N, C-alpha and C. Protein backbone atom coordinates (compact mmCIF):
# COMPACT_ATOMS: atom_id res chain seq x y z
N UNK A 1 3.96 0.51 -22.10
CA UNK A 1 4.07 -0.71 -21.34
C UNK A 1 5.27 -0.61 -20.40
N UNK A 2 5.37 -1.57 -19.46
CA UNK A 2 6.47 -1.51 -18.51
C UNK A 2 7.81 -1.57 -19.20
N UNK A 3 7.96 -2.46 -20.18
CA UNK A 3 9.24 -2.60 -20.85
C UNK A 3 9.72 -1.30 -21.47
N UNK A 4 8.83 -0.56 -22.09
CA UNK A 4 9.19 0.70 -22.73
C UNK A 4 9.29 1.82 -21.73
N UNK A 5 8.42 1.75 -20.69
CA UNK A 5 8.38 2.84 -19.73
C UNK A 5 9.66 2.89 -18.90
N UNK A 6 10.18 1.72 -18.51
CA UNK A 6 11.34 1.69 -17.62
C UNK A 6 12.61 1.17 -18.31
N UNK A 7 12.42 0.31 -19.31
CA UNK A 7 13.54 -0.18 -20.11
C UNK A 7 14.66 -0.78 -19.26
N UNK A 8 14.27 -1.61 -18.28
CA UNK A 8 15.25 -2.26 -17.42
C UNK A 8 15.38 -3.72 -17.85
N UNK A 9 16.13 -3.96 -18.89
CA UNK A 9 16.25 -5.29 -19.47
C UNK A 9 16.85 -6.29 -18.49
N UNK A 10 17.70 -5.84 -17.59
CA UNK A 10 18.41 -6.75 -16.69
C UNK A 10 17.78 -6.86 -15.31
N UNK A 11 16.61 -6.28 -15.14
CA UNK A 11 15.95 -6.38 -13.84
C UNK A 11 15.56 -7.82 -13.55
N UNK A 12 15.62 -8.21 -12.28
CA UNK A 12 15.13 -9.52 -11.86
C UNK A 12 13.62 -9.43 -11.65
N UNK A 13 13.00 -10.60 -11.47
CA UNK A 13 11.55 -10.60 -11.23
C UNK A 13 11.20 -9.89 -9.93
N UNK A 14 12.14 -9.90 -8.97
CA UNK A 14 11.87 -9.26 -7.68
C UNK A 14 11.90 -7.74 -7.81
N UNK A 15 12.78 -7.23 -8.66
CA UNK A 15 12.79 -5.79 -8.94
C UNK A 15 11.53 -5.36 -9.66
N UNK A 16 11.10 -6.18 -10.62
CA UNK A 16 9.85 -5.88 -11.31
C UNK A 16 8.66 -5.94 -10.34
N UNK A 17 8.73 -6.90 -9.44
CA UNK A 17 7.65 -7.04 -8.45
C UNK A 17 7.52 -5.77 -7.63
N UNK A 18 8.63 -5.23 -7.17
CA UNK A 18 8.59 -3.99 -6.38
C UNK A 18 8.02 -2.84 -7.20
N UNK A 19 8.42 -2.77 -8.48
CA UNK A 19 7.94 -1.68 -9.32
C UNK A 19 6.43 -1.77 -9.56
N UNK A 20 5.96 -2.98 -9.84
CA UNK A 20 4.53 -3.18 -10.09
C UNK A 20 3.72 -2.88 -8.84
N UNK A 21 4.20 -3.34 -7.69
CA UNK A 21 3.48 -3.05 -6.45
C UNK A 21 3.43 -1.55 -6.16
N UNK A 22 4.53 -0.85 -6.45
CA UNK A 22 4.55 0.60 -6.25
C UNK A 22 3.55 1.28 -7.17
N UNK A 23 3.48 0.84 -8.42
CA UNK A 23 2.52 1.41 -9.36
C UNK A 23 1.09 1.14 -8.91
N UNK A 24 0.84 -0.07 -8.40
CA UNK A 24 -0.50 -0.42 -7.92
C UNK A 24 -0.90 0.44 -6.73
N UNK A 25 0.06 0.73 -5.86
CA UNK A 25 -0.27 1.60 -4.72
C UNK A 25 -0.66 2.99 -5.19
N UNK A 26 0.04 3.51 -6.21
CA UNK A 26 -0.31 4.84 -6.73
C UNK A 26 -1.70 4.82 -7.37
N UNK A 27 -2.00 3.74 -8.11
CA UNK A 27 -3.32 3.63 -8.74
C UNK A 27 -4.41 3.54 -7.68
N UNK A 28 -4.16 2.74 -6.62
CA UNK A 28 -5.13 2.61 -5.54
C UNK A 28 -5.36 3.95 -4.85
N UNK A 29 -4.28 4.69 -4.66
CA UNK A 29 -4.42 6.00 -4.01
C UNK A 29 -5.19 6.96 -4.90
N UNK A 30 -4.94 6.87 -6.21
CA UNK A 30 -5.68 7.73 -7.15
C UNK A 30 -7.18 7.52 -6.97
N UNK A 31 -7.60 6.26 -6.97
CA UNK A 31 -9.03 5.97 -6.84
C UNK A 31 -9.57 6.36 -5.47
N UNK A 32 -8.72 6.30 -4.46
CA UNK A 32 -9.15 6.74 -3.12
C UNK A 32 -9.37 8.25 -3.09
N UNK A 33 -8.53 8.99 -3.83
CA UNK A 33 -8.63 10.45 -3.85
C UNK A 33 -9.74 10.95 -4.79
N UNK A 34 -10.02 10.18 -5.84
CA UNK A 34 -10.93 10.64 -6.89
C UNK A 34 -12.29 11.14 -6.39
N UNK A 35 -12.98 10.41 -5.47
CA UNK A 35 -14.30 10.88 -5.03
C UNK A 35 -14.29 12.28 -4.42
N UNK A 36 -13.16 12.68 -3.82
CA UNK A 36 -13.09 14.00 -3.17
C UNK A 36 -13.00 15.14 -4.17
N UNK A 37 -12.51 14.84 -5.39
CA UNK A 37 -12.21 15.91 -6.34
C UNK A 37 -12.98 15.83 -7.66
N UNK A 38 -13.69 14.74 -7.91
CA UNK A 38 -14.23 14.48 -9.25
C UNK A 38 -15.25 15.52 -9.73
N UNK A 39 -15.90 16.23 -8.84
CA UNK A 39 -16.88 17.23 -9.25
C UNK A 39 -16.32 18.64 -9.33
N UNK A 40 -15.03 18.78 -9.10
CA UNK A 40 -14.40 20.10 -9.10
C UNK A 40 -13.65 20.34 -10.41
N UNK A 41 -13.57 21.61 -10.83
CA UNK A 41 -12.78 21.93 -12.04
C UNK A 41 -11.30 21.59 -11.81
N UNK A 42 -10.66 21.09 -12.83
CA UNK A 42 -9.23 20.78 -12.73
C UNK A 42 -8.94 19.65 -11.77
N UNK A 43 -9.79 18.62 -11.79
CA UNK A 43 -9.63 17.53 -10.82
C UNK A 43 -8.29 16.81 -10.96
N UNK A 44 -7.79 16.68 -12.20
CA UNK A 44 -6.51 15.99 -12.40
C UNK A 44 -5.37 16.72 -11.70
N UNK A 45 -5.34 18.04 -11.84
CA UNK A 45 -4.29 18.84 -11.21
C UNK A 45 -4.40 18.76 -9.69
N UNK A 46 -5.64 18.78 -9.19
CA UNK A 46 -5.84 18.72 -7.74
C UNK A 46 -5.37 17.38 -7.17
N UNK A 47 -5.69 16.29 -7.87
CA UNK A 47 -5.27 14.98 -7.40
C UNK A 47 -3.76 14.84 -7.48
N UNK A 48 -3.17 15.35 -8.57
CA UNK A 48 -1.71 15.29 -8.72
C UNK A 48 -1.01 16.02 -7.59
N UNK A 49 -1.57 17.18 -7.21
CA UNK A 49 -0.99 17.95 -6.12
C UNK A 49 -1.11 17.20 -4.81
N UNK A 50 -2.27 16.58 -4.59
CA UNK A 50 -2.50 15.82 -3.36
C UNK A 50 -1.54 14.64 -3.26
N UNK A 51 -1.19 14.06 -4.42
CA UNK A 51 -0.34 12.88 -4.45
C UNK A 51 1.10 13.21 -4.82
N UNK A 52 1.48 14.45 -4.66
CA UNK A 52 2.81 14.89 -5.11
C UNK A 52 3.95 14.21 -4.37
N UNK A 53 3.65 13.58 -3.23
CA UNK A 53 4.70 12.88 -2.51
C UNK A 53 4.99 11.52 -3.13
N UNK A 54 4.08 11.04 -4.03
CA UNK A 54 4.33 9.77 -4.71
C UNK A 54 5.29 9.97 -5.86
N UNK A 55 6.05 8.94 -6.16
CA UNK A 55 7.01 9.00 -7.25
C UNK A 55 6.27 8.96 -8.58
N UNK A 56 6.62 9.85 -9.48
CA UNK A 56 6.04 9.84 -10.81
C UNK A 56 4.81 10.71 -10.92
N UNK A 57 4.49 11.12 -12.12
CA UNK A 57 3.33 11.95 -12.38
C UNK A 57 2.07 11.12 -12.35
N UNK A 58 1.05 11.64 -11.71
CA UNK A 58 -0.22 10.93 -11.62
C UNK A 58 -1.11 11.37 -12.77
N UNK A 59 -1.66 10.39 -13.49
CA UNK A 59 -2.55 10.70 -14.61
C UNK A 59 -3.89 10.03 -14.39
N UNK A 60 -4.80 10.23 -15.31
CA UNK A 60 -6.12 9.61 -15.21
C UNK A 60 -5.97 8.11 -15.15
N UNK A 61 -6.93 7.39 -14.52
CA UNK A 61 -6.78 5.95 -14.33
C UNK A 61 -6.62 5.20 -15.63
N UNK A 62 -7.31 5.60 -16.70
CA UNK A 62 -7.17 4.89 -17.97
C UNK A 62 -5.75 4.98 -18.47
N UNK A 63 -5.18 6.19 -18.41
CA UNK A 63 -3.81 6.37 -18.90
C UNK A 63 -2.82 5.66 -17.99
N UNK A 64 -3.08 5.70 -16.68
CA UNK A 64 -2.16 5.08 -15.74
C UNK A 64 -2.15 3.58 -15.90
N UNK A 65 -3.32 2.94 -15.89
CA UNK A 65 -3.36 1.49 -15.96
C UNK A 65 -2.93 0.98 -17.33
N UNK A 66 -3.19 1.71 -18.37
CA UNK A 66 -2.84 1.25 -19.71
C UNK A 66 -1.34 1.35 -19.97
N UNK A 67 -0.58 2.00 -19.07
CA UNK A 67 0.86 2.01 -19.20
C UNK A 67 1.45 0.61 -19.06
N UNK A 68 0.66 -0.32 -18.49
CA UNK A 68 1.14 -1.68 -18.36
C UNK A 68 1.37 -2.30 -19.74
N UNK A 69 0.54 -1.92 -20.70
CA UNK A 69 0.67 -2.60 -21.98
C UNK A 69 0.52 -1.68 -23.17
N UNK A 70 0.47 -0.37 -22.94
CA UNK A 70 0.33 0.56 -24.05
C UNK A 70 1.66 1.03 -24.56
N UNK A 71 1.65 2.12 -25.30
CA UNK A 71 2.87 2.61 -25.91
C UNK A 71 3.71 3.44 -24.97
N UNK A 72 3.16 3.72 -23.77
CA UNK A 72 3.87 4.58 -22.83
C UNK A 72 3.40 6.01 -22.94
N UNK A 73 2.60 6.32 -23.97
CA UNK A 73 2.04 7.65 -24.12
C UNK A 73 0.66 7.66 -23.49
N UNK A 74 0.22 8.83 -23.04
CA UNK A 74 -1.09 8.93 -22.42
C UNK A 74 -2.16 8.70 -23.48
N UNK A 75 -3.21 7.95 -23.08
CA UNK A 75 -4.29 7.63 -24.00
C UNK A 75 -5.62 7.98 -23.35
N UNK A 76 -6.59 8.29 -24.18
CA UNK A 76 -7.94 8.49 -23.71
C UNK A 76 -8.65 7.14 -23.73
N UNK A 77 -9.47 6.89 -22.74
CA UNK A 77 -10.21 5.64 -22.69
C UNK A 77 -11.26 5.62 -23.77
N UNK A 78 -11.36 4.49 -24.47
CA UNK A 78 -12.29 4.35 -25.58
C UNK A 78 -13.19 3.16 -25.31
N UNK A 79 -14.47 3.43 -25.00
CA UNK A 79 -15.40 2.35 -24.70
C UNK A 79 -15.60 1.42 -25.88
N UNK A 80 -15.42 1.94 -27.11
CA UNK A 80 -15.66 1.13 -28.28
C UNK A 80 -14.44 0.32 -28.68
N UNK A 81 -13.31 0.55 -28.03
CA UNK A 81 -12.09 -0.12 -28.43
C UNK A 81 -11.50 -0.97 -27.34
N UNK A 82 -12.34 -1.68 -26.58
CA UNK A 82 -11.86 -2.48 -25.46
C UNK A 82 -10.92 -3.57 -25.94
N UNK A 83 -9.80 -3.73 -25.20
CA UNK A 83 -8.85 -4.78 -25.52
C UNK A 83 -9.35 -6.15 -25.08
N UNK A 84 -10.38 -6.17 -24.21
CA UNK A 84 -10.83 -7.44 -23.63
C UNK A 84 -11.26 -8.42 -24.71
N UNK A 85 -11.92 -7.94 -25.77
CA UNK A 85 -12.45 -8.83 -26.79
C UNK A 85 -11.67 -8.72 -28.10
N UNK A 86 -10.44 -8.27 -28.02
CA UNK A 86 -9.57 -8.17 -29.18
C UNK A 86 -9.07 -9.57 -29.52
N UNK A 87 -9.51 -10.13 -30.66
CA UNK A 87 -9.12 -11.49 -31.02
C UNK A 87 -7.62 -11.62 -31.21
N UNK A 88 -6.98 -10.56 -31.69
CA UNK A 88 -5.53 -10.58 -31.86
C UNK A 88 -4.85 -10.76 -30.51
N UNK A 89 -5.35 -10.06 -29.49
CA UNK A 89 -4.79 -10.16 -28.14
C UNK A 89 -4.95 -11.58 -27.61
N UNK A 90 -6.09 -12.19 -27.87
CA UNK A 90 -6.35 -13.53 -27.36
C UNK A 90 -5.44 -14.57 -27.98
N UNK A 91 -4.89 -14.28 -29.16
CA UNK A 91 -4.01 -15.23 -29.83
C UNK A 91 -2.55 -15.08 -29.41
N UNK A 92 -2.26 -14.06 -28.63
CA UNK A 92 -0.88 -13.83 -28.21
C UNK A 92 -0.51 -14.71 -27.02
N UNK A 93 0.78 -14.74 -26.68
CA UNK A 93 1.25 -15.55 -25.57
C UNK A 93 0.54 -15.17 -24.27
N UNK A 94 -0.12 -16.12 -23.65
CA UNK A 94 -0.87 -15.86 -22.43
C UNK A 94 -2.32 -15.47 -22.68
N UNK A 95 -2.68 -15.24 -23.93
CA UNK A 95 -4.03 -14.79 -24.25
C UNK A 95 -5.10 -15.82 -23.97
N UNK A 96 -4.71 -17.10 -23.98
CA UNK A 96 -5.70 -18.15 -23.72
C UNK A 96 -6.30 -18.05 -22.33
N UNK A 97 -5.55 -17.48 -21.39
CA UNK A 97 -6.05 -17.35 -20.02
C UNK A 97 -7.17 -16.30 -19.93
N UNK A 98 -7.13 -15.31 -20.83
CA UNK A 98 -8.15 -14.26 -20.81
C UNK A 98 -9.52 -14.86 -21.09
N UNK A 99 -9.63 -15.62 -22.17
CA UNK A 99 -10.93 -16.19 -22.53
C UNK A 99 -11.40 -17.21 -21.51
N UNK A 100 -10.47 -17.98 -20.93
CA UNK A 100 -10.84 -18.99 -19.94
C UNK A 100 -11.41 -18.34 -18.69
N UNK A 101 -10.74 -17.30 -18.19
CA UNK A 101 -11.21 -16.61 -16.99
C UNK A 101 -12.48 -15.81 -17.28
N UNK A 102 -12.57 -15.27 -18.51
CA UNK A 102 -13.76 -14.51 -18.87
C UNK A 102 -15.01 -15.40 -18.81
N UNK A 103 -14.88 -16.66 -19.23
CA UNK A 103 -16.02 -17.58 -19.18
C UNK A 103 -16.45 -17.81 -17.73
N UNK A 104 -15.48 -17.94 -16.82
CA UNK A 104 -15.81 -18.11 -15.41
C UNK A 104 -16.41 -16.84 -14.81
N UNK A 105 -15.92 -15.70 -15.30
CA UNK A 105 -16.45 -14.40 -14.87
C UNK A 105 -17.93 -14.29 -15.23
N UNK A 106 -18.29 -14.75 -16.42
CA UNK A 106 -19.69 -14.73 -16.86
C UNK A 106 -20.54 -15.62 -15.95
N UNK A 107 -20.02 -16.81 -15.66
CA UNK A 107 -20.75 -17.72 -14.75
C UNK A 107 -20.96 -17.07 -13.39
N UNK A 108 -19.92 -16.41 -12.89
CA UNK A 108 -20.04 -15.73 -11.60
C UNK A 108 -21.08 -14.61 -11.65
N UNK A 109 -21.07 -13.82 -12.70
CA UNK A 109 -22.02 -12.71 -12.81
C UNK A 109 -23.46 -13.21 -12.81
N UNK A 110 -23.70 -14.32 -13.49
CA UNK A 110 -25.06 -14.89 -13.50
C UNK A 110 -25.44 -15.35 -12.10
N UNK A 111 -24.51 -16.01 -11.45
CA UNK A 111 -24.77 -16.50 -10.09
C UNK A 111 -24.98 -15.32 -9.13
N UNK A 112 -24.17 -14.29 -9.28
CA UNK A 112 -24.28 -13.12 -8.41
C UNK A 112 -25.59 -12.37 -8.58
N UNK A 113 -26.15 -12.43 -9.80
CA UNK A 113 -27.40 -11.72 -10.09
C UNK A 113 -28.64 -12.55 -9.75
N UNK A 114 -28.46 -13.83 -9.45
CA UNK A 114 -29.60 -14.70 -9.17
C UNK A 114 -29.53 -15.25 -7.75
N UNK A 115 -28.81 -16.34 -7.56
CA UNK A 115 -28.76 -17.01 -6.27
C UNK A 115 -28.21 -16.11 -5.17
N UNK A 116 -27.23 -15.27 -5.52
CA UNK A 116 -26.57 -14.43 -4.51
C UNK A 116 -27.03 -12.97 -4.57
N UNK A 117 -28.18 -12.71 -5.13
CA UNK A 117 -28.65 -11.34 -5.30
C UNK A 117 -28.77 -10.59 -3.98
N UNK A 118 -28.99 -11.30 -2.90
CA UNK A 118 -29.14 -10.64 -1.60
C UNK A 118 -27.83 -10.37 -0.88
N UNK A 119 -26.70 -10.79 -1.46
CA UNK A 119 -25.40 -10.60 -0.81
C UNK A 119 -24.58 -9.59 -1.60
N UNK A 120 -25.08 -8.38 -1.63
CA UNK A 120 -24.48 -7.36 -2.50
C UNK A 120 -23.01 -7.08 -2.19
N UNK A 121 -22.64 -7.06 -0.91
CA UNK A 121 -21.26 -6.75 -0.54
C UNK A 121 -20.31 -7.80 -1.08
N UNK A 122 -20.64 -9.08 -0.86
CA UNK A 122 -19.80 -10.16 -1.37
C UNK A 122 -19.77 -10.19 -2.89
N UNK A 123 -20.91 -9.93 -3.51
CA UNK A 123 -20.98 -9.93 -4.98
C UNK A 123 -20.06 -8.87 -5.56
N UNK A 124 -20.13 -7.66 -5.02
CA UNK A 124 -19.29 -6.57 -5.52
C UNK A 124 -17.82 -6.87 -5.27
N UNK A 125 -17.50 -7.39 -4.09
CA UNK A 125 -16.11 -7.68 -3.75
C UNK A 125 -15.51 -8.72 -4.71
N UNK A 126 -16.26 -9.78 -4.99
CA UNK A 126 -15.76 -10.84 -5.88
C UNK A 126 -15.72 -10.36 -7.33
N UNK A 127 -16.71 -9.56 -7.72
CA UNK A 127 -16.71 -9.03 -9.08
C UNK A 127 -15.48 -8.15 -9.31
N UNK A 128 -15.15 -7.34 -8.33
CA UNK A 128 -13.95 -6.49 -8.44
C UNK A 128 -12.68 -7.33 -8.50
N UNK A 129 -12.63 -8.40 -7.71
CA UNK A 129 -11.45 -9.28 -7.72
C UNK A 129 -11.31 -9.98 -9.06
N UNK A 130 -12.42 -10.40 -9.64
CA UNK A 130 -12.39 -11.00 -10.97
C UNK A 130 -11.90 -9.98 -12.00
N UNK A 131 -12.39 -8.75 -11.88
CA UNK A 131 -11.97 -7.70 -12.80
C UNK A 131 -10.49 -7.41 -12.71
N UNK A 132 -9.96 -7.44 -11.50
CA UNK A 132 -8.52 -7.22 -11.30
C UNK A 132 -7.71 -8.34 -11.95
N UNK A 133 -8.17 -9.58 -11.78
CA UNK A 133 -7.50 -10.73 -12.40
C UNK A 133 -7.53 -10.61 -13.91
N UNK A 134 -8.68 -10.27 -14.45
CA UNK A 134 -8.80 -10.17 -15.90
C UNK A 134 -7.92 -9.04 -16.45
N UNK A 135 -7.86 -7.93 -15.74
CA UNK A 135 -7.01 -6.82 -16.18
C UNK A 135 -5.54 -7.24 -16.19
N UNK A 136 -5.13 -8.04 -15.20
CA UNK A 136 -3.74 -8.50 -15.14
C UNK A 136 -3.42 -9.41 -16.32
N UNK A 137 -4.36 -10.28 -16.66
CA UNK A 137 -4.14 -11.19 -17.78
C UNK A 137 -4.06 -10.44 -19.10
N UNK A 138 -4.83 -9.37 -19.21
CA UNK A 138 -4.76 -8.54 -20.41
C UNK A 138 -3.40 -7.85 -20.50
N UNK A 139 -2.93 -7.37 -19.37
CA UNK A 139 -1.60 -6.74 -19.33
C UNK A 139 -0.53 -7.72 -19.80
N UNK A 140 -0.65 -8.96 -19.33
CA UNK A 140 0.32 -9.99 -19.69
C UNK A 140 0.30 -10.27 -21.20
N UNK A 141 -0.88 -10.50 -21.74
CA UNK A 141 -0.99 -10.86 -23.16
C UNK A 141 -0.62 -9.70 -24.07
N UNK A 142 -0.80 -8.47 -23.58
CA UNK A 142 -0.56 -7.30 -24.43
C UNK A 142 0.91 -6.89 -24.50
N UNK A 143 1.76 -7.52 -23.70
CA UNK A 143 3.20 -7.23 -23.80
C UNK A 143 3.71 -7.60 -25.19
N UNK A 144 4.55 -6.76 -25.76
CA UNK A 144 5.09 -7.11 -27.06
C UNK A 144 6.29 -8.05 -26.91
N UNK A 145 6.78 -8.55 -28.02
CA UNK A 145 7.84 -9.56 -27.98
C UNK A 145 9.14 -9.03 -27.38
N UNK A 146 9.33 -7.71 -27.42
CA UNK A 146 10.58 -7.13 -26.90
C UNK A 146 10.55 -6.92 -25.39
N UNK A 147 9.43 -7.20 -24.75
CA UNK A 147 9.32 -6.98 -23.30
C UNK A 147 10.30 -7.89 -22.55
N UNK A 148 10.91 -7.39 -21.48
CA UNK A 148 11.83 -8.22 -20.69
C UNK A 148 11.15 -9.50 -20.19
N UNK A 149 11.85 -10.60 -20.27
CA UNK A 149 11.29 -11.89 -19.86
C UNK A 149 10.89 -11.88 -18.40
N UNK A 150 11.70 -11.24 -17.53
CA UNK A 150 11.38 -11.22 -16.11
C UNK A 150 10.14 -10.39 -15.80
N UNK A 151 9.86 -9.41 -16.65
CA UNK A 151 8.61 -8.65 -16.50
C UNK A 151 7.43 -9.58 -16.75
N UNK A 152 7.54 -10.39 -17.80
CA UNK A 152 6.47 -11.34 -18.11
C UNK A 152 6.28 -12.34 -16.97
N UNK A 153 7.39 -12.84 -16.44
CA UNK A 153 7.31 -13.78 -15.31
C UNK A 153 6.61 -13.13 -14.12
N UNK A 154 6.97 -11.89 -13.85
CA UNK A 154 6.39 -11.20 -12.69
C UNK A 154 4.90 -10.98 -12.86
N UNK A 155 4.46 -10.63 -14.07
CA UNK A 155 3.03 -10.44 -14.30
C UNK A 155 2.27 -11.75 -14.14
N UNK A 156 2.88 -12.87 -14.53
CA UNK A 156 2.23 -14.17 -14.31
C UNK A 156 2.12 -14.43 -12.81
N UNK A 157 3.18 -14.14 -12.05
CA UNK A 157 3.14 -14.29 -10.59
C UNK A 157 2.01 -13.47 -9.98
N UNK A 158 1.88 -12.23 -10.42
CA UNK A 158 0.83 -11.37 -9.89
C UNK A 158 -0.56 -11.90 -10.29
N UNK A 159 -0.67 -12.46 -11.50
CA UNK A 159 -1.95 -13.03 -11.94
C UNK A 159 -2.33 -14.22 -11.06
N UNK A 160 -1.34 -15.04 -10.72
CA UNK A 160 -1.60 -16.18 -9.83
C UNK A 160 -2.09 -15.69 -8.47
N UNK A 161 -1.44 -14.64 -7.95
CA UNK A 161 -1.87 -14.07 -6.66
C UNK A 161 -3.29 -13.51 -6.76
N UNK A 162 -3.61 -12.84 -7.88
CA UNK A 162 -4.96 -12.31 -8.07
C UNK A 162 -5.98 -13.44 -8.15
N UNK A 163 -5.61 -14.52 -8.84
CA UNK A 163 -6.51 -15.68 -8.93
C UNK A 163 -6.77 -16.28 -7.55
N UNK A 164 -5.74 -16.38 -6.75
CA UNK A 164 -5.89 -16.93 -5.40
C UNK A 164 -6.79 -16.05 -4.53
N UNK A 165 -6.75 -14.75 -4.78
CA UNK A 165 -7.64 -13.84 -4.05
C UNK A 165 -9.09 -14.12 -4.41
N UNK A 166 -9.37 -14.32 -5.70
CA UNK A 166 -10.73 -14.67 -6.13
C UNK A 166 -11.15 -15.99 -5.49
N UNK A 167 -10.25 -16.96 -5.51
CA UNK A 167 -10.54 -18.28 -4.94
C UNK A 167 -10.91 -18.18 -3.46
N UNK A 168 -10.15 -17.41 -2.70
CA UNK A 168 -10.42 -17.25 -1.26
C UNK A 168 -11.80 -16.65 -1.01
N UNK A 169 -12.14 -15.62 -1.79
CA UNK A 169 -13.44 -14.97 -1.62
C UNK A 169 -14.59 -15.91 -2.01
N UNK A 170 -14.42 -16.67 -3.08
CA UNK A 170 -15.45 -17.61 -3.51
C UNK A 170 -15.65 -18.71 -2.47
N UNK A 171 -14.57 -19.21 -1.91
CA UNK A 171 -14.67 -20.26 -0.90
C UNK A 171 -15.41 -19.77 0.34
N UNK A 172 -15.17 -18.53 0.71
CA UNK A 172 -15.87 -17.97 1.87
C UNK A 172 -17.37 -17.95 1.63
N UNK A 173 -17.79 -17.51 0.45
CA UNK A 173 -19.22 -17.45 0.16
C UNK A 173 -19.81 -18.85 0.07
N UNK A 174 -19.08 -19.78 -0.52
CA UNK A 174 -19.59 -21.16 -0.67
C UNK A 174 -19.80 -21.82 0.68
N UNK A 175 -19.03 -21.42 1.68
CA UNK A 175 -19.16 -22.00 3.01
C UNK A 175 -20.31 -21.40 3.81
N UNK A 176 -20.81 -20.26 3.36
CA UNK A 176 -21.87 -19.58 4.12
C UNK A 176 -23.21 -19.55 3.38
N UNK A 177 -23.24 -20.05 2.15
CA UNK A 177 -24.47 -20.04 1.36
C UNK A 177 -24.65 -21.41 0.71
N UNK A 178 -25.56 -22.21 1.28
CA UNK A 178 -25.75 -23.57 0.80
C UNK A 178 -26.29 -23.62 -0.63
N UNK A 179 -27.15 -22.69 -0.98
CA UNK A 179 -27.73 -22.69 -2.33
C UNK A 179 -26.67 -22.47 -3.40
N UNK A 180 -25.66 -21.68 -3.05
CA UNK A 180 -24.64 -21.34 -4.04
C UNK A 180 -23.44 -22.28 -4.00
N UNK A 181 -23.42 -23.19 -3.01
CA UNK A 181 -22.21 -24.00 -2.81
C UNK A 181 -21.84 -24.82 -4.04
N UNK A 182 -22.77 -25.53 -4.65
CA UNK A 182 -22.45 -26.40 -5.77
C UNK A 182 -21.93 -25.63 -6.99
N UNK A 183 -22.65 -24.59 -7.46
CA UNK A 183 -22.13 -23.84 -8.61
C UNK A 183 -20.82 -23.12 -8.31
N UNK A 184 -20.66 -22.66 -7.06
CA UNK A 184 -19.41 -22.00 -6.68
C UNK A 184 -18.24 -22.99 -6.68
N UNK A 185 -18.50 -24.20 -6.24
CA UNK A 185 -17.46 -25.22 -6.24
C UNK A 185 -16.98 -25.51 -7.66
N UNK A 186 -17.91 -25.50 -8.61
CA UNK A 186 -17.54 -25.74 -10.01
C UNK A 186 -16.63 -24.62 -10.52
N UNK A 187 -16.96 -23.38 -10.16
CA UNK A 187 -16.12 -22.24 -10.58
C UNK A 187 -14.75 -22.33 -9.92
N UNK A 188 -14.74 -22.68 -8.63
CA UNK A 188 -13.48 -22.78 -7.89
C UNK A 188 -12.57 -23.86 -8.51
N UNK A 189 -13.15 -25.01 -8.85
CA UNK A 189 -12.36 -26.09 -9.45
C UNK A 189 -11.77 -25.65 -10.79
N UNK A 190 -12.55 -24.94 -11.58
CA UNK A 190 -12.05 -24.45 -12.86
C UNK A 190 -10.94 -23.43 -12.66
N UNK A 191 -11.11 -22.56 -11.64
CA UNK A 191 -10.06 -21.59 -11.34
C UNK A 191 -8.76 -22.28 -10.94
N UNK A 192 -8.86 -23.35 -10.15
CA UNK A 192 -7.66 -24.06 -9.73
C UNK A 192 -6.95 -24.71 -10.91
N UNK A 193 -7.72 -25.15 -11.90
CA UNK A 193 -7.10 -25.69 -13.12
C UNK A 193 -6.34 -24.59 -13.85
N UNK A 194 -6.92 -23.39 -13.92
CA UNK A 194 -6.24 -22.25 -14.55
C UNK A 194 -4.99 -21.87 -13.76
N UNK A 195 -5.08 -21.98 -12.44
CA UNK A 195 -3.92 -21.67 -11.61
C UNK A 195 -2.75 -22.60 -11.94
N UNK A 196 -3.04 -23.91 -12.06
CA UNK A 196 -1.98 -24.86 -12.40
C UNK A 196 -1.38 -24.57 -13.76
N UNK A 197 -2.22 -24.17 -14.70
CA UNK A 197 -1.71 -23.85 -16.04
C UNK A 197 -0.87 -22.57 -16.03
N UNK A 198 -1.27 -21.62 -15.20
CA UNK A 198 -0.45 -20.40 -15.06
C UNK A 198 0.90 -20.71 -14.43
N UNK A 199 0.91 -21.60 -13.46
CA UNK A 199 2.17 -22.00 -12.83
C UNK A 199 3.07 -22.68 -13.86
N UNK A 200 2.50 -23.56 -14.67
CA UNK A 200 3.28 -24.22 -15.73
C UNK A 200 3.83 -23.19 -16.72
N UNK A 201 2.98 -22.21 -17.07
CA UNK A 201 3.38 -21.15 -18.00
C UNK A 201 4.55 -20.36 -17.42
N UNK A 202 4.48 -20.05 -16.12
CA UNK A 202 5.54 -19.29 -15.47
C UNK A 202 6.84 -20.10 -15.44
N UNK A 203 6.75 -21.38 -15.19
CA UNK A 203 7.95 -22.23 -15.18
C UNK A 203 8.61 -22.26 -16.55
N UNK A 204 7.82 -22.34 -17.60
CA UNK A 204 8.35 -22.35 -18.95
C UNK A 204 9.06 -21.03 -19.27
N UNK A 205 8.43 -19.93 -18.83
CA UNK A 205 9.05 -18.61 -19.04
C UNK A 205 10.40 -18.51 -18.33
N UNK A 206 10.47 -19.04 -17.12
CA UNK A 206 11.71 -18.98 -16.36
C UNK A 206 12.82 -19.81 -17.02
N UNK A 207 12.42 -20.91 -17.68
CA UNK A 207 13.41 -21.77 -18.31
C UNK A 207 13.85 -21.28 -19.68
N UNK A 208 13.04 -20.40 -20.27
CA UNK A 208 13.32 -19.95 -21.64
C UNK A 208 14.50 -18.98 -21.70
């Protein structure tokens, strides 16, 4: 996790923000490079060499992204051991947001597969944005008690930004598709309620 990986107990939220954004840029670049090398032997070494100008060693996406909340050691991705439905994780601080957003994600997926089936580009874009938000919330809830408080605050800030990105994309589709406008408005209103609760959660963290 970030707390163990960097161990900067006295960092401000702005320092954590810069670190998280830098890590996200490396992850984004990894996925941009992956299609060029994925069918070649030694793809990890090839991508690492291509990205050698980036700070830090580049690893597989599962190991890289799980550094947000894992032990800091490289891990293999396990389809049978998803943290998304870990009841213990859902009971931790911030875990309530995972289940709330997951319910909205399910509603969106149903809508995307039915009413919006003909808008594949928008469906994929919003699905990815929802996935990014959910991943951020999992990172937040998976932090252990020893994690720096400002790291937790920063992850909540990033989750709010991710939620706003989903909101913007949903509003765009609702304005251009009359059939989907009513169900989309319901999802948007629920998202805004979650946003207010995240803001309250962040304020409490800052005061603690």
